[in-house]
N, C-alpha and C. Protein backbone atom coordinates (compact mmCIF):
# COMPACT_ATOMS: atom_id res chain seq x y z
N MET A 1 4.73 20.39 12.72
CA MET A 1 5.31 18.90 12.76
C MET A 1 4.20 18.00 11.72
N LYS A 2 3.34 17.85 12.71
CA LYS A 2 2.09 16.74 12.34
C LYS A 2 1.68 16.82 11.19
N ASN A 3 1.78 18.13 10.22
CA ASN A 3 1.33 18.02 8.61
C ASN A 3 2.56 17.51 8.09
N ASN A 4 3.68 17.56 8.41
CA ASN A 4 5.28 16.79 8.02
C ASN A 4 4.76 15.46 7.86
N GLU A 5 4.35 14.76 8.89
CA GLU A 5 4.19 13.24 9.01
C GLU A 5 3.00 12.81 8.49
N LYS A 6 1.92 13.88 8.26
CA LYS A 6 0.81 13.30 7.49
C LYS A 6 1.06 13.23 6.09
N ASN A 7 1.79 14.22 5.71
CA ASN A 7 2.57 14.29 3.96
C ASN A 7 3.30 13.13 3.93
N SER A 8 4.26 13.03 4.78
CA SER A 8 4.82 11.83 4.72
C SER A 8 4.35 10.10 4.50
N ASN A 9 3.43 10.31 5.59
CA ASN A 9 2.84 9.08 5.45
C ASN A 9 2.01 8.80 4.47
N LYS A 10 1.38 10.17 3.56
CA LYS A 10 0.64 9.68 2.46
C LYS A 10 1.33 9.37 1.24
N LYS A 11 2.84 10.13 1.32
CA LYS A 11 3.95 9.92 0.03
C LYS A 11 4.29 8.35 0.57
N ILE A 12 4.50 7.88 1.56
CA ILE A 12 4.80 6.28 1.82
C ILE A 12 3.47 5.66 1.43
N ALA A 13 2.49 5.84 1.15
CA ALA A 13 1.37 4.70 1.23
C ALA A 13 0.97 5.15 -0.59
N GLY A 14 1.44 6.17 -0.85
CA GLY A 14 1.02 6.14 -2.58
C GLY A 14 2.56 5.66 -3.22
N ILE A 15 3.74 5.44 -2.46
CA ILE A 15 4.58 4.57 -3.26
C ILE A 15 4.11 3.15 -2.81
N TYR A 16 3.75 2.73 -1.87
CA TYR A 16 3.19 1.15 -1.64
C TYR A 16 2.20 0.80 -2.72
N TYR A 17 0.98 1.75 -2.90
CA TYR A 17 -0.04 1.76 -3.79
C TYR A 17 0.65 1.67 -5.19
N PHE A 18 1.81 2.19 -5.65
CA PHE A 18 2.05 2.34 -6.90
C PHE A 18 3.08 1.11 -7.14
N ALA A 19 3.75 0.62 -5.97
CA ALA A 19 4.28 -0.70 -6.25
C ALA A 19 3.34 -2.17 -6.10
N SER A 20 2.22 -1.99 -5.54
CA SER A 20 1.57 -2.82 -5.53
C SER A 20 0.71 -3.02 -6.97
N LEU A 21 0.55 -1.73 -7.78
CA LEU A 21 0.07 -1.83 -9.25
C LEU A 21 1.17 -2.38 -10.24
N CYS A 22 2.75 -2.30 -9.61
CA CYS A 22 3.30 -2.57 -10.39
C CYS A 22 3.27 -4.37 -10.51
N PHE A 23 3.24 -4.40 -9.10
CA PHE A 23 3.34 -6.32 -9.05
C PHE A 23 2.10 -7.04 -9.57
N TYR A 24 1.03 -6.22 -9.67
CA TYR A 24 -0.19 -6.61 -10.10
C TYR A 24 -0.01 -6.66 -11.90
N ILE A 25 0.45 -5.36 -12.19
CA ILE A 25 0.81 -5.52 -13.71
C ILE A 25 1.89 -6.98 -13.80
N ALA A 26 2.66 -6.65 -13.47
CA ALA A 26 3.63 -8.13 -13.64
C ALA A 26 2.91 -9.52 -13.48
N ALA A 27 1.78 -9.34 -12.65
CA ALA A 27 1.42 -10.81 -12.51
C ALA A 27 0.42 -11.22 -13.69
N ILE A 28 0.12 -10.08 -13.92
CA ILE A 28 -1.34 -10.26 -15.46
C ILE A 28 -0.38 -10.75 -16.35
N ILE A 29 0.83 -9.77 -16.49
CA ILE A 29 1.75 -10.16 -17.57
C ILE A 29 2.13 -11.70 -17.75
N ASN A 30 2.59 -12.44 -16.64
CA ASN A 30 3.04 -13.44 -16.23
C ASN A 30 1.79 -14.42 -16.47
N PHE A 31 0.60 -14.26 -16.10
CA PHE A 31 -0.68 -15.21 -16.19
C PHE A 31 -0.96 -15.15 -17.98
N ILE A 32 -0.67 -14.43 -18.32
CA ILE A 32 -1.15 -14.24 -19.96
C ILE A 32 -0.05 -14.97 -20.59
N ASN A 33 1.42 -14.82 -20.65
CA ASN A 33 2.18 -15.54 -21.08
C ASN A 33 2.28 -16.79 -20.56
N GLU A 34 1.82 -17.21 -19.44
CA GLU A 34 1.79 -18.89 -19.10
C GLU A 34 2.97 -19.51 -19.13
N ASP A 35 4.02 -18.84 -18.97
CA ASP A 35 5.42 -19.32 -18.80
C ASP A 35 5.87 -19.79 -17.50
N ASN A 36 5.35 -18.76 -16.55
CA ASN A 36 5.85 -19.14 -15.15
C ASN A 36 4.75 -18.69 -14.35
N ASN A 37 3.62 -19.56 -14.26
CA ASN A 37 2.58 -19.22 -13.56
C ASN A 37 3.01 -18.82 -11.95
N SER A 38 4.18 -19.93 -11.54
CA SER A 38 4.63 -19.62 -10.34
C SER A 38 4.81 -18.27 -9.76
N MET A 39 5.43 -17.76 -10.70
CA MET A 39 6.05 -16.06 -10.43
C MET A 39 4.76 -15.30 -10.57
N ALA A 40 3.74 -15.53 -11.19
CA ALA A 40 2.71 -14.75 -11.63
C ALA A 40 2.05 -14.82 -9.75
N VAL A 41 1.69 -15.90 -9.34
CA VAL A 41 1.52 -15.85 -7.91
C VAL A 41 2.57 -15.34 -7.39
N VAL A 42 3.45 -15.40 -7.15
CA VAL A 42 4.32 -14.52 -6.31
C VAL A 42 4.06 -12.94 -6.72
N PHE A 43 4.00 -12.56 -7.66
CA PHE A 43 3.93 -11.05 -7.94
C PHE A 43 2.63 -11.12 -7.40
N LEU A 44 1.60 -11.56 -7.28
CA LEU A 44 0.15 -11.13 -6.79
C LEU A 44 0.15 -11.08 -5.48
N CYS A 45 0.77 -12.21 -4.81
CA CYS A 45 1.16 -12.04 -3.15
C CYS A 45 1.57 -10.48 -2.99
N LEU A 46 3.05 -10.29 -3.89
CA LEU A 46 3.55 -9.16 -3.27
C LEU A 46 2.58 -7.74 -3.46
N GLY A 47 1.91 -7.61 -4.79
CA GLY A 47 0.85 -6.75 -4.92
C GLY A 47 0.12 -6.73 -3.42
N SER A 48 -0.41 -7.65 -3.13
CA SER A 48 -1.35 -7.60 -2.25
C SER A 48 -0.69 -7.27 -0.68
N SER A 49 0.27 -7.64 -0.48
CA SER A 49 1.00 -7.26 0.44
C SER A 49 1.57 -5.64 0.60
N ASN A 50 1.81 -5.16 -0.65
CA ASN A 50 1.82 -3.82 -0.91
C ASN A 50 0.78 -3.15 -0.58
N LEU A 51 -0.51 -3.64 -0.88
CA LEU A 51 -1.55 -3.20 -0.93
C LEU A 51 -1.88 -2.41 0.49
N CYS A 52 -1.75 -3.80 1.32
CA CYS A 52 -2.38 -3.78 2.79
C CYS A 52 -1.18 -2.70 3.53
N LEU A 53 0.24 -2.92 3.43
CA LEU A 53 1.06 -1.76 3.68
C LEU A 53 0.68 -0.29 3.76
N GLY A 54 0.09 -0.04 2.61
CA GLY A 54 -0.03 1.23 1.85
C GLY A 54 -1.73 1.66 2.81
N SER A 55 -2.48 0.99 3.13
CA SER A 55 -3.70 0.98 3.56
C SER A 55 -3.26 1.29 5.14
N VAL A 56 -2.17 0.84 5.38
CA VAL A 56 -2.01 0.80 7.06
C VAL A 56 -1.09 1.95 7.27
N TYR A 57 -0.56 2.67 6.31
CA TYR A 57 0.00 4.19 6.57
C TYR A 57 -0.90 4.92 6.15
N LEU A 58 -2.01 4.59 5.57
CA LEU A 58 -3.20 5.93 5.37
C LEU A 58 -3.86 5.95 6.75
N ASN A 59 -4.32 4.68 7.52
CA ASN A 59 -4.95 4.62 8.48
C ASN A 59 -4.25 5.41 9.47
N LYS A 60 -2.89 5.15 9.68
CA LYS A 60 -2.22 5.69 10.63
C LYS A 60 -2.55 7.47 11.03
N ASP A 61 -2.91 7.74 10.23
CA ASP A 61 -3.33 9.51 9.75
C ASP A 61 -4.75 9.50 10.64
N LYS A 62 -5.50 8.50 10.05
CA LYS A 62 -6.83 8.64 10.66
C LYS A 62 -6.79 7.93 12.24
N ASP A 63 -6.20 7.40 12.69
CA ASP A 63 -5.98 6.79 14.06
C ASP A 63 -5.28 8.20 15.20
N ARG A 64 -4.50 8.64 14.47
CA ARG A 64 -4.18 9.92 14.98
C ARG A 64 -4.72 11.14 15.36
N ASP A 65 -5.68 11.08 13.91
CA ASP A 65 -6.53 12.36 14.01
C ASP A 65 -7.58 11.93 15.26
N ASN A 66 -8.12 10.47 15.38
CA ASN A 66 -9.07 10.20 16.35
C ASN A 66 -8.58 10.46 17.44
N VAL A 67 -7.42 10.21 17.69
CA VAL A 67 -6.71 10.14 19.31
C VAL A 67 -7.01 11.78 19.59
N ASN A 68 -6.55 12.61 18.70
CA ASN A 68 -6.61 13.99 18.96
C ASN A 68 -7.41 14.58 19.17
N LYS A 69 -8.44 13.94 18.45
CA LYS A 69 -9.93 14.44 18.73
C LYS A 69 -10.48 14.25 20.45
N ASN A 70 -10.20 13.00 20.45
CA ASN A 70 -10.79 12.48 21.60
C ASN A 70 -9.96 13.39 23.06
N ASN A 71 -8.84 13.58 22.87
CA ASN A 71 -7.70 14.12 23.82
C ASN A 71 -8.19 15.57 24.00
N LYS A 72 -8.85 16.38 23.08
CA LYS A 72 -9.29 17.48 23.40
C LYS A 72 -10.76 17.52 23.84
N LYS A 73 -11.21 16.59 23.80
CA LYS A 73 -12.86 16.83 24.48
C LYS A 73 -12.47 16.92 25.85
């Protein structure tokens, strides 16, 4: 069951990373077009927040592993 949780957290983190990449690409396109810079800033912020959420899901696995190692000692 622990492996399933790790795999699901890695999948979720990958989805967040992919979403952040998409938001960053949209922000770059909006900055290049110079039509709507405020939308580009919004996409940039959304990409950064998704990047942070992805790293949180990856760190959940590391924290659980550290707790389990400490409990075994």
